[in-house]
Structure formats: structure tokens, C-alpha cells
N, C-alpha and C. Protein backbone atom coordinates (compact mmCIF):
# COMPACT_ATOMS: atom_id res chain seq x y z
N MET A 1 -19.90 12.01 21.14
CA MET A 1 -18.75 11.97 20.23
C MET A 1 -19.18 11.27 18.94
N ASN A 2 -18.89 11.89 17.83
CA ASN A 2 -19.19 11.31 16.52
C ASN A 2 -17.96 10.58 16.01
N ILE A 3 -18.07 9.27 15.86
CA ILE A 3 -16.95 8.47 15.36
C ILE A 3 -17.07 8.39 13.84
N THR A 4 -16.02 8.83 13.16
CA THR A 4 -16.01 8.86 11.71
C THR A 4 -15.68 7.49 11.13
N LYS A 5 -14.71 6.82 11.77
CA LYS A 5 -14.22 5.54 11.25
C LYS A 5 -13.74 4.69 12.41
N THR A 6 -13.88 3.37 12.28
CA THR A 6 -13.38 2.43 13.29
C THR A 6 -12.32 1.55 12.66
N LEU A 7 -11.20 1.42 13.37
CA LEU A 7 -10.11 0.55 12.95
C LEU A 7 -10.00 -0.60 13.94
N ASP A 8 -10.18 -1.81 13.44
CA ASP A 8 -10.04 -3.00 14.28
C ASP A 8 -8.64 -3.56 14.08
N ALA A 9 -7.74 -3.27 15.03
CA ALA A 9 -6.36 -3.74 14.95
C ALA A 9 -6.10 -4.81 16.02
N LYS A 10 -7.17 -5.47 16.47
CA LYS A 10 -7.02 -6.51 17.50
C LYS A 10 -6.21 -7.67 16.92
N GLY A 11 -5.32 -8.20 17.74
CA GLY A 11 -4.52 -9.36 17.34
C GLY A 11 -3.24 -8.99 16.60
N LEU A 12 -3.07 -7.72 16.28
CA LEU A 12 -1.85 -7.28 15.59
C LEU A 12 -0.79 -6.90 16.60
N ALA A 13 0.47 -7.21 16.28
CA ALA A 13 1.59 -6.88 17.16
C ALA A 13 2.32 -5.66 16.61
N CYS A 14 3.02 -4.98 17.50
CA CYS A 14 3.81 -3.81 17.15
C CYS A 14 4.74 -4.15 15.99
N PRO A 15 4.86 -3.32 14.99
CA PRO A 15 4.36 -1.95 14.87
C PRO A 15 3.06 -1.84 14.09
N MET A 16 2.39 -2.94 13.79
CA MET A 16 1.23 -2.90 12.90
C MET A 16 0.07 -2.02 13.39
N PRO A 17 -0.26 -1.99 14.70
CA PRO A 17 -1.33 -1.08 15.11
C PRO A 17 -1.05 0.39 14.75
N ILE A 18 0.20 0.80 14.89
CA ILE A 18 0.57 2.18 14.54
C ILE A 18 0.49 2.37 13.02
N VAL A 19 1.00 1.43 12.26
CA VAL A 19 0.98 1.52 10.80
C VAL A 19 -0.47 1.63 10.31
N LYS A 20 -1.34 0.77 10.83
CA LYS A 20 -2.75 0.78 10.43
C LYS A 20 -3.45 2.06 10.89
N THR A 21 -3.11 2.53 12.10
CA THR A 21 -3.70 3.76 12.61
C THR A 21 -3.33 4.94 11.72
N LYS A 22 -2.06 5.03 11.33
CA LYS A 22 -1.62 6.13 10.47
C LYS A 22 -2.37 6.10 9.14
N LYS A 23 -2.51 4.92 8.56
CA LYS A 23 -3.21 4.78 7.28
C LYS A 23 -4.68 5.20 7.42
N ALA A 24 -5.31 4.79 8.51
CA ALA A 24 -6.71 5.15 8.74
C ALA A 24 -6.86 6.65 8.97
N MET A 25 -5.92 7.26 9.70
CA MET A 25 -5.97 8.70 9.95
C MET A 25 -5.82 9.47 8.64
N ASP A 26 -5.03 8.95 7.72
CA ASP A 26 -4.83 9.62 6.43
C ASP A 26 -6.12 9.62 5.60
N SER A 27 -7.06 8.73 5.93
CA SER A 27 -8.28 8.61 5.13
C SER A 27 -9.45 9.44 5.68
N ILE A 28 -9.24 10.13 6.83
CA ILE A 28 -10.31 10.96 7.38
C ILE A 28 -9.88 12.42 7.34
N SER A 29 -10.85 13.30 7.53
CA SER A 29 -10.59 14.74 7.45
C SER A 29 -10.23 15.32 8.81
N SER A 30 -9.62 16.50 8.79
CA SER A 30 -9.26 17.20 10.02
C SER A 30 -10.48 17.38 10.91
N GLY A 31 -10.30 17.13 12.21
CA GLY A 31 -11.37 17.29 13.18
C GLY A 31 -12.24 16.05 13.35
N GLU A 32 -12.13 15.08 12.44
CA GLU A 32 -12.92 13.85 12.56
C GLU A 32 -12.27 12.91 13.57
N VAL A 33 -13.04 11.92 14.03
CA VAL A 33 -12.58 11.02 15.10
C VAL A 33 -12.43 9.58 14.59
N LEU A 34 -11.28 9.01 14.89
CA LEU A 34 -10.98 7.61 14.57
C LEU A 34 -11.04 6.80 15.86
N GLU A 35 -11.81 5.70 15.83
CA GLU A 35 -11.86 4.76 16.95
C GLU A 35 -10.90 3.62 16.60
N VAL A 36 -9.96 3.33 17.51
CA VAL A 36 -8.97 2.28 17.27
C VAL A 36 -9.12 1.22 18.36
N LEU A 37 -9.26 -0.04 17.95
CA LEU A 37 -9.36 -1.16 18.89
C LEU A 37 -8.11 -2.01 18.76
N VAL A 38 -7.39 -2.19 19.85
CA VAL A 38 -6.15 -2.98 19.82
C VAL A 38 -6.07 -3.90 21.04
N THR A 39 -5.29 -4.97 20.89
CA THR A 39 -5.05 -5.88 22.01
C THR A 39 -3.58 -5.90 22.41
N ASP A 40 -2.70 -5.31 21.61
CA ASP A 40 -1.28 -5.25 21.91
C ASP A 40 -1.05 -4.25 23.05
N LYS A 41 -0.58 -4.74 24.19
CA LYS A 41 -0.40 -3.89 25.37
C LYS A 41 0.59 -2.74 25.14
N GLY A 42 1.51 -2.91 24.18
CA GLY A 42 2.45 -1.84 23.87
C GLY A 42 1.75 -0.60 23.35
N ALA A 43 0.55 -0.76 22.84
CA ALA A 43 -0.21 0.37 22.29
C ALA A 43 -0.60 1.38 23.37
N ILE A 44 -0.61 0.95 24.63
CA ILE A 44 -0.95 1.86 25.72
C ILE A 44 -0.04 3.09 25.69
N ASN A 45 1.23 2.89 25.39
CA ASN A 45 2.18 3.99 25.28
C ASN A 45 2.37 4.46 23.84
N ASP A 46 2.37 3.50 22.91
CA ASP A 46 2.72 3.81 21.51
C ASP A 46 1.71 4.72 20.82
N ILE A 47 0.43 4.42 20.94
CA ILE A 47 -0.58 5.20 20.22
C ILE A 47 -0.66 6.64 20.74
N PRO A 48 -0.73 6.86 22.06
CA PRO A 48 -0.73 8.26 22.51
C PRO A 48 0.53 9.02 22.10
N ALA A 49 1.68 8.37 22.14
CA ALA A 49 2.93 9.04 21.73
C ALA A 49 2.89 9.39 20.25
N TRP A 50 2.40 8.46 19.43
CA TRP A 50 2.29 8.71 17.99
C TRP A 50 1.31 9.85 17.73
N ALA A 51 0.16 9.82 18.40
CA ALA A 51 -0.87 10.84 18.20
C ALA A 51 -0.34 12.23 18.58
N THR A 52 0.32 12.32 19.71
CA THR A 52 0.87 13.59 20.16
C THR A 52 1.92 14.12 19.19
N ALA A 53 2.78 13.24 18.71
CA ALA A 53 3.82 13.65 17.76
C ALA A 53 3.22 14.19 16.48
N GLY A 54 2.04 13.68 16.10
CA GLY A 54 1.38 14.12 14.87
C GLY A 54 0.44 15.29 15.08
N GLY A 55 0.32 15.75 16.33
CA GLY A 55 -0.57 16.86 16.64
C GLY A 55 -2.02 16.46 16.82
N HIS A 56 -2.28 15.14 16.85
CA HIS A 56 -3.64 14.64 17.03
C HIS A 56 -3.99 14.63 18.53
N THR A 57 -5.28 14.51 18.84
CA THR A 57 -5.73 14.53 20.23
C THR A 57 -6.43 13.22 20.59
N ILE A 58 -5.98 12.61 21.69
CA ILE A 58 -6.68 11.44 22.22
C ILE A 58 -7.85 12.00 23.05
N ILE A 59 -9.05 11.81 22.55
CA ILE A 59 -10.23 12.32 23.24
C ILE A 59 -10.58 11.43 24.42
N GLN A 60 -10.45 10.12 24.20
CA GLN A 60 -10.78 9.15 25.24
C GLN A 60 -9.96 7.89 25.02
N GLN A 61 -9.67 7.22 26.14
CA GLN A 61 -8.94 5.95 26.10
C GLN A 61 -9.55 5.07 27.18
N LYS A 62 -9.87 3.82 26.82
CA LYS A 62 -10.46 2.92 27.81
C LYS A 62 -10.06 1.48 27.50
N THR A 63 -10.26 0.61 28.48
CA THR A 63 -10.00 -0.82 28.30
C THR A 63 -11.25 -1.59 28.69
N GLU A 64 -11.67 -2.50 27.80
CA GLU A 64 -12.80 -3.38 28.09
C GLU A 64 -12.44 -4.78 27.63
N ALA A 65 -12.50 -5.73 28.54
CA ALA A 65 -12.25 -7.15 28.22
C ALA A 65 -10.96 -7.33 27.41
N ASP A 66 -9.87 -6.77 27.91
CA ASP A 66 -8.54 -6.89 27.29
C ASP A 66 -8.41 -6.20 25.93
N VAL A 67 -9.39 -5.40 25.56
CA VAL A 67 -9.30 -4.62 24.32
C VAL A 67 -9.12 -3.15 24.71
N LEU A 68 -8.10 -2.52 24.11
CA LEU A 68 -7.85 -1.10 24.34
C LEU A 68 -8.59 -0.31 23.28
N TYR A 69 -9.29 0.72 23.71
CA TYR A 69 -10.03 1.60 22.79
C TYR A 69 -9.39 2.98 22.86
N PHE A 70 -9.09 3.52 21.69
CA PHE A 70 -8.57 4.88 21.59
C PHE A 70 -9.48 5.67 20.67
N TYR A 71 -9.80 6.88 21.08
CA TYR A 71 -10.61 7.78 20.24
C TYR A 71 -9.71 8.97 19.93
N ILE A 72 -9.30 9.07 18.67
CA ILE A 72 -8.30 10.06 18.27
C ILE A 72 -8.92 11.05 17.30
N GLN A 73 -8.83 12.34 17.69
CA GLN A 73 -9.31 13.40 16.80
C GLN A 73 -8.16 13.87 15.94
N LYS A 74 -8.39 13.88 14.62
CA LYS A 74 -7.34 14.26 13.68
C LYS A 74 -7.02 15.74 13.82
N ALA A 75 -5.75 16.07 13.76
CA ALA A 75 -5.30 17.46 13.86
C ALA A 75 -5.89 18.30 12.75
N THR A 76 -6.13 19.56 13.08
CA THR A 76 -6.70 20.48 12.08
C THR A 76 -5.61 21.19 11.30
């Protein structure tokens, strides 16, 4: 997987991870991948719901040491 951009949203509380994710997604091209790192547990539901609503695809989601990683491919 080729990651185009990484967004470090660790330590931010809702709704800031979504706000920052949207801004980062606006800065990449269709088909590119954004890596998002968050620690807010609400993001487990919020980011996939936001991505789906925008037509984006969650390629992978994982948790390592209390950090949630999302890999989101921008809609074409």
C-alpha cells in the first residue's frame, strides 16, 4: 500500500479527528491513501462512518499501543 499522506491526530478529542481528516483528504487526489493516527476511542465508529458517507474506502484499520490507525483511500 502506498501512503500518500499521514495525519497525526493523536491526543485530539471529537470532533477534531474528523475535522482534520476531512482537511487532509481534501489535500490529496482521488485514489490516493491517507494514513490517520488517532487515540480518541470514538474514532473507531466515527471515521469509518465519515469515510463511507463520503464514498471513501477504509483499506485497513488496526490498533497498536492504544493508537488507532486508519488507511483511507480517497473516492474517485
